[in-house]
Amino acid sequence: MDKVYLWYFVSHIPITLLIDVQPLLPPDMIPQVLHGVNRLLTETLGDPFMIVGAGHSELVWFRSMLLCELILQLPFFFYAVWALWTDNPHRHLPFLVYGVHVSTTMIPVLGTLVRGEINRTCGERMLLASMYLPYLLVPLSMALISFTKCSRAISAATATLPSKRKTA
């Protein structure tokens, strides 16, 4: 799974910087070529979250999560790439925190796409949900695997501690 995680984080850096940040910016700050990518997402695929400028979504909660992605997650992506590349044994606790955080934030995104009050056909909803689903599944698997590794490490460490039982 480390190869999947490495690809996930390496690919997520340009996605965050070039695509995910767009709804947070005024339209005139976005290069024209990136407007085309945004139009593909919003007009062709019907993504209600990524609309830029006039007619943008009023989903403030989603923009708040994009801001968290930019401020909190983007620096973590660089750490994660380094930790995976160097096979850092201490990566599992930060990966657990990241995986739980992102899995939790993806639930309202997917819920809005599947059952929310957005004007999309069932097919459009499913297509959009399938585009966002990897951003739930990869972090969720990361959280589960990292939890297991952290639990084992804690169990091994506490097993070597001297017993504090009183003797009679």
C-alpha atoms as a PDB file:
ATOM      1  CA  MET A   1       0.000   0.000   0.000  1.00  0.00           C
ATOM      2  CA  ASP A   2       2.959   2.345   0.478  1.00  0.00           C
ATOM      3  CA  LYS A   3       3.284   2.685  -3.311  1.00  0.00           C
ATOM      4  CA  VAL A   4      -0.398   3.641  -3.543  1.00  0.00           C
ATOM      5  CA  TYR A   5       0.067   6.173  -0.742  1.00  0.00           C
ATOM      6  CA  LEU A   6       3.177   7.605  -2.380  1.00  0.00           C
ATOM      7  CA  TRP A   7       1.327   8.063  -5.685  1.00  0.00           C
ATOM      8  CA  TYR A   8      -1.633   9.555  -3.809  1.00  0.00           C
ATOM      9  CA  PHE A   9       0.493  12.189  -2.044  1.00  0.00           C
ATOM     10  CA  VAL A  10       2.722  12.999  -5.036  1.00  0.00           C
ATOM     11  CA  SER A  11      -0.341  13.509  -7.238  1.00  0.00           C
ATOM     12  CA  HIS A  12      -2.198  15.441  -4.560  1.00  0.00           C
ATOM     13  CA  ILE A  13       0.403  18.257  -4.440  1.00  0.00           C
ATOM     14  CA  PRO A  14      -0.294  19.596  -7.971  1.00  0.00           C
ATOM     15  CA  ILE A  15      -4.012  18.820  -7.622  1.00  0.00           C
ATOM     16  CA  THR A  16      -4.172  20.998  -4.507  1.00  0.00           C
ATOM     17  CA  LEU A  17      -2.086  23.830  -5.964  1.00  0.00           C
ATOM     18  CA  LEU A  18      -3.629  23.908  -9.440  1.00  0.00           C
ATOM     19  CA  ILE A  19      -7.215  22.710  -9.042  1.00  0.00           C
ATOM     20  CA  ASP A  20      -8.479  22.561  -5.475  1.00  0.00           C
ATOM     21  CA  VAL A  21      -7.371  26.096  -4.615  1.00  0.00           C
ATOM     22  CA  GLN A  22      -9.363  27.666  -7.490  1.00  0.00           C
ATOM     23  CA  PRO A  23     -12.690  28.148  -5.655  1.00  0.00           C
ATOM     24  CA  LEU A  24     -10.785  30.105  -2.991  1.00  0.00           C
ATOM     25  CA  LEU A  25      -9.356  32.624  -5.469  1.00  0.00           C
ATOM     26  CA  PRO A  26     -10.817  35.507  -7.447  1.00  0.00           C
ATOM     27  CA  PRO A  27     -11.241  34.369 -11.090  1.00  0.00           C
ATOM     28  CA  ASP A  28      -8.698  36.894 -12.413  1.00  0.00           C
ATOM     29  CA  MET A  29      -5.952  35.276 -10.308  1.00  0.00           C
ATOM     30  CA  ILE A  30      -6.403  31.902 -12.034  1.00  0.00           C
ATOM     31  CA  PRO A  31      -4.360  31.256 -15.204  1.00  0.00           C
ATOM     32  CA  GLN A  32      -6.512  30.756 -18.302  1.00  0.00           C
ATOM     33  CA  VAL A  33      -5.403  27.154 -18.857  1.00  0.00           C
ATOM     34  CA  LEU A  34      -6.636  26.288 -15.359  1.00  0.00           C
ATOM     35  CA  HIS A  35      -9.991  27.911 -16.093  1.00  0.00           C
ATOM     36  CA  GLY A  36     -10.367  25.239 -18.772  1.00  0.00           C
ATOM     37  CA  VAL A  37      -9.755  22.475 -16.238  1.00  0.00           C
ATOM     38  CA  ASN A  38     -12.288  24.103 -13.934  1.00  0.00           C
ATOM     39  CA  ARG A  39     -14.870  24.299 -16.732  1.00  0.00           C
ATOM     40  CA  LEU A  40     -14.344  20.590 -17.425  1.00  0.00           C
ATOM     41  CA  LEU A  41     -15.101  19.825 -13.775  1.00  0.00           C
ATOM     42  CA  THR A  42     -18.009  22.213 -13.312  1.00  0.00           C
ATOM     43  CA  GLU A  43     -19.705  22.430 -16.713  1.00  0.00           C
ATOM     44  CA  THR A  44     -18.928  19.088 -18.311  1.00  0.00           C
ATOM     45  CA  LEU A  45     -18.966  16.905 -15.202  1.00  0.00           C
ATOM     46  CA  GLY A  46     -21.325  19.073 -13.129  1.00  0.00           C
ATOM     47  CA  ASP A  47     -19.163  19.394 -10.012  1.00  0.00           C
ATOM     48  CA  PRO A  48     -21.120  21.747  -7.713  1.00  0.00           C
ATOM     49  CA  PHE A  49     -18.190  22.336  -5.361  1.00  0.00           C
ATOM     50  CA  MET A  50     -15.520  23.689  -7.693  1.00  0.00           C
ATOM     51  CA  ILE A  51     -17.422  26.585  -9.305  1.00  0.00           C
ATOM     52  CA  VAL A  52     -15.296  29.745  -9.495  1.00  0.00           C
ATOM     53  CA  GLY A  53     -16.534  33.338  -9.657  1.00  0.00           C
ATOM     54  CA  ALA A  54     -20.131  34.299 -10.450  1.00  0.00           C
ATOM     55  CA  GLY A  55     -22.551  31.532  -9.616  1.00  0.00           C
ATOM     56  CA  HIS A  56     -20.120  29.878  -7.234  1.00  0.00           C
ATOM     57  CA  SER A  57     -21.486  27.443  -4.733  1.00  0.00           C
ATOM     58  CA  GLU A  58     -22.698  28.717  -1.388  1.00  0.00           C
ATOM     59  CA  LEU A  59     -21.302  25.609   0.260  1.00  0.00           C
ATOM     60  CA  VAL A  60     -19.166  27.507   2.758  1.00  0.00           C
ATOM     61  CA  TRP A  61     -18.352  24.293   4.592  1.00  0.00           C
ATOM     62  CA  PHE A  62     -16.701  22.944   1.441  1.00  0.00           C
ATOM     63  CA  ARG A  63     -14.605  26.076   0.955  1.00  0.00           C
ATOM     64  CA  SER A  64     -13.566  25.788   4.605  1.00  0.00           C
ATOM     65  CA  MET A  65     -12.336  22.262   3.925  1.00  0.00           C
ATOM     66  CA  LEU A  66     -10.422  23.495   0.857  1.00  0.00           C
ATOM     67  CA  LEU A  67      -8.743  26.081   3.074  1.00  0.00           C
ATOM     68  CA  CYS A  68      -7.776  23.311   5.503  1.00  0.00           C
ATOM     69  CA  GLU A  69      -6.406  21.330   2.583  1.00  0.00           C
ATOM     70  CA  LEU A  70      -4.260  24.273   1.525  1.00  0.00           C
ATOM     71  CA  ILE A  71      -3.023  25.299   4.972  1.00  0.00           C
ATOM     72  CA  LEU A  72      -2.841  22.013   6.869  1.00  0.00           C
ATOM     73  CA  GLN A  73      -2.755  19.164   4.384  1.00  0.00           C
ATOM     74  CA  LEU A  74      -0.491  20.565   1.664  1.00  0.00           C
ATOM     75  CA  PRO A  75       2.549  20.838   3.980  1.00  0.00           C
ATOM     76  CA  PHE A  76       1.753  17.335   5.231  1.00  0.00           C
ATOM     77  CA  PHE A  77       1.834  15.986   1.654  1.00  0.00           C
ATOM     78  CA  PHE A  78       5.519  16.914   1.413  1.00  0.00           C
ATOM     79  CA  TYR A  79       6.253  15.206   4.731  1.00  0.00           C
ATOM     80  CA  ALA A  80       4.281  12.143   3.621  1.00  0.00           C
ATOM     81  CA  VAL A  81       6.202  11.857   0.344  1.00  0.00           C
ATOM     82  CA  TRP A  82       9.485  12.101   2.234  1.00  0.00           C
ATOM     83  CA  ALA A  83       8.351   9.620   4.910  1.00  0.00           C
ATOM     84  CA  LEU A  84       7.243   7.080   2.319  1.00  0.00           C
ATOM     85  CA  TRP A  85      10.282   7.593   0.110  1.00  0.00           C
ATOM     86  CA  THR A  86      12.650   7.037   3.063  1.00  0.00           C
ATOM     87  CA  ASP A  87      10.470   4.314   4.623  1.00  0.00           C
ATOM     88  CA  ASN A  88      10.370   6.307   7.843  1.00  0.00           C
ATOM     89  CA  PRO A  89       9.117   3.990  10.600  1.00  0.00           C
ATOM     90  CA  HIS A  90       7.597   6.928  12.520  1.00  0.00           C
ATOM     91  CA  ARG A  91       5.114   7.865   9.805  1.00  0.00           C
ATOM     92  CA  HIS A  92       2.175   5.826  11.063  1.00  0.00           C
ATOM     93  CA  LEU A  93       0.868   8.162  13.766  1.00  0.00           C
ATOM     94  CA  PRO A  94       0.793  11.207  11.423  1.00  0.00           C
ATOM     95  CA  PHE A  95      -0.745   9.004   8.717  1.00  0.00           C
ATOM     96  CA  LEU A  96      -3.401   7.866  11.192  1.00  0.00           C
ATOM     97  CA  VAL A  97      -4.294  11.473  12.029  1.00  0.00           C
ATOM     98  CA  TYR A  98      -4.354  12.471   8.345  1.00  0.00           C
ATOM     99  CA  GLY A  99      -6.399   9.430   7.324  1.00  0.00           C
ATOM    100  CA  VAL A 100      -9.046   9.988   9.987  1.00  0.00           C
ATOM    101  CA  HIS A 101      -9.254  13.725   9.238  1.00  0.00           C
ATOM    102  CA  VAL A 102      -9.673  13.314   5.487  1.00  0.00           C
ATOM    103  CA  SER A 103     -12.028  10.344   5.763  1.00  0.00           C
ATOM    104  CA  THR A 104     -14.229  12.400   8.056  1.00  0.00           C
ATOM    105  CA  THR A 105     -14.260  15.411   5.727  1.00  0.00           C
ATOM    106  CA  MET A 106     -15.145  13.286   2.718  1.00  0.00           C
ATOM    107  CA  ILE A 107     -18.384  11.976   4.250  1.00  0.00           C
ATOM    108  CA  PRO A 108     -20.308  15.279   3.825  1.00  0.00           C
ATOM    109  CA  VAL A 109     -18.848  15.716   0.331  1.00  0.00           C
ATOM    110  CA  LEU A 110     -20.029  12.293  -0.794  1.00  0.00           C
ATOM    111  CA  GLY A 111     -23.299  12.687   1.100  1.00  0.00           C
ATOM    112  CA  THR A 112     -24.002  15.944  -0.721  1.00  0.00           C
ATOM    113  CA  LEU A 113     -23.196  14.375  -4.067  1.00  0.00           C
ATOM    114  CA  VAL A 114     -25.325  11.300  -3.514  1.00  0.00           C
ATOM    115  CA  ARG A 115     -28.286  12.644  -1.528  1.00  0.00           C
ATOM    116  CA  GLY A 116     -27.820  16.400  -1.179  1.00  0.00           C
ATOM    117  CA  GLU A 117     -29.910  19.170  -2.637  1.00  0.00           C
ATOM    118  CA  ILE A 118     -27.957  19.678  -5.842  1.00  0.00           C
ATOM    119  CA  ASN A 119     -29.606  19.786  -9.230  1.00  0.00           C
ATOM    120  CA  ARG A 120     -27.912  16.763 -10.852  1.00  0.00           C
ATOM    121  CA  THR A 121     -29.171  13.569 -12.463  1.00  0.00           C
ATOM    122  CA  CYS A 122     -28.551  10.256 -10.753  1.00  0.00           C
ATOM    123  CA  GLY A 123     -25.873   9.442 -13.346  1.00  0.00           C
ATOM    124  CA  GLU A 124     -24.107  12.770 -12.788  1.00  0.00           C
ATOM    125  CA  ARG A 125     -24.223  12.246  -9.038  1.00  0.00           C
ATOM    126  CA  MET A 126     -22.697   8.773  -9.332  1.00  0.00           C
ATOM    127  CA  LEU A 127     -19.969   9.977 -11.714  1.00  0.00           C
ATOM    128  CA  LEU A 128     -19.031  12.789  -9.342  1.00  0.00           C
ATOM    129  CA  ALA A 129     -19.158  10.491  -6.314  1.00  0.00           C
ATOM    130  CA  SER A 130     -16.858   8.030  -8.103  1.00  0.00           C
ATOM    131  CA  MET A 131     -14.380  10.875  -8.740  1.00  0.00           C
ATOM    132  CA  TYR A 132     -14.353  11.842  -5.052  1.00  0.00           C
ATOM    133  CA  LEU A 133     -14.497   8.273  -3.664  1.00  0.00           C
ATOM    134  CA  PRO A 134     -10.724   7.582  -3.856  1.00  0.00           C
ATOM    135  CA  TYR A 135     -10.230  10.568  -1.542  1.00  0.00           C
ATOM    136  CA  LEU A 136     -12.242   8.641   1.040  1.00  0.00           C
ATOM    137  CA  LEU A 137     -10.950   5.125   0.384  1.00  0.00           C
ATOM    138  CA  VAL A 138      -7.205   5.828   0.303  1.00  0.00           C
ATOM    139  CA  PRO A 139      -7.166   7.896   3.528  1.00  0.00           C
ATOM    140  CA  LEU A 140      -9.525   5.432   5.211  1.00  0.00           C
ATOM    141  CA  SER A 141      -7.227   2.502   4.387  1.00  0.00           C
ATOM    142  CA  MET A 142      -4.300   4.630   5.559  1.00  0.00           C
ATOM    143  CA  ALA A 143      -6.073   5.255   8.873  1.00  0.00           C
ATOM    144  CA  LEU A 144      -6.909   1.579   9.378  1.00  0.00           C
ATOM    145  CA  ILE A 145      -3.423   0.318   8.526  1.00  0.00           C
ATOM    146  CA  SER A 146      -1.742   3.045  10.569  1.00  0.00           C
ATOM    147  CA  PHE A 147      -4.043   2.383  13.534  1.00  0.00           C
ATOM    148  CA  THR A 148      -3.068  -1.273  13.447  1.00  0.00           C
ATOM    149  CA  LYS A 149       0.643  -0.456  13.298  1.00  0.00           C
ATOM    150  CA  CYS A 150       0.366   2.150  16.081  1.00  0.00           C
ATOM    151  CA  SER A 151      -1.620  -0.259  18.269  1.00  0.00           C
ATOM    152  CA  ARG A 152       0.978  -2.993  17.803  1.00  0.00           C
ATOM    153  CA  ALA A 153       3.813  -0.578  18.622  1.00  0.00           C
ATOM    154  CA  ILE A 154       2.042   0.604  21.777  1.00  0.00           C
ATOM    155  CA  SER A 155       1.323  -2.976  22.849  1.00  0.00           C
ATOM    156  CA  ALA A 156       4.937  -3.989  22.271  1.00  0.00           C
ATOM    157  CA  ALA A 157       6.225  -0.964  24.173  1.00  0.00           C
ATOM    158  CA  THR A 158       3.905  -1.433  27.141  1.00  0.00           C
ATOM    159  CA  ALA A 159       4.676  -5.153  27.328  1.00  0.00           C
ATOM    160  CA  THR A 160       8.296  -4.335  28.106  1.00  0.00           C
ATOM    161  CA  LEU A 161       7.440  -1.904  30.916  1.00  0.00           C
ATOM    162  CA  PRO A 162       7.995  -3.194  34.451  1.00  0.00           C
ATOM    163  CA  SER A 163       4.843  -4.242  36.223  1.00  0.00           C
ATOM    164  CA  LYS A 164       3.525  -1.814  38.844  1.00  0.00           C
ATOM    165  CA  ARG A 165       1.601  -4.431  40.787  1.00  0.00           C
ATOM    166  CA  LYS A 166       2.162  -4.532  44.505  1.00  0.00           C
ATOM    167  CA  THR A 167       3.417  -7.779  45.825  1.00  0.00           C
ATOM    168  CA  ALA A 168       1.871  -9.210  48.996  1.00  0.00           C
END
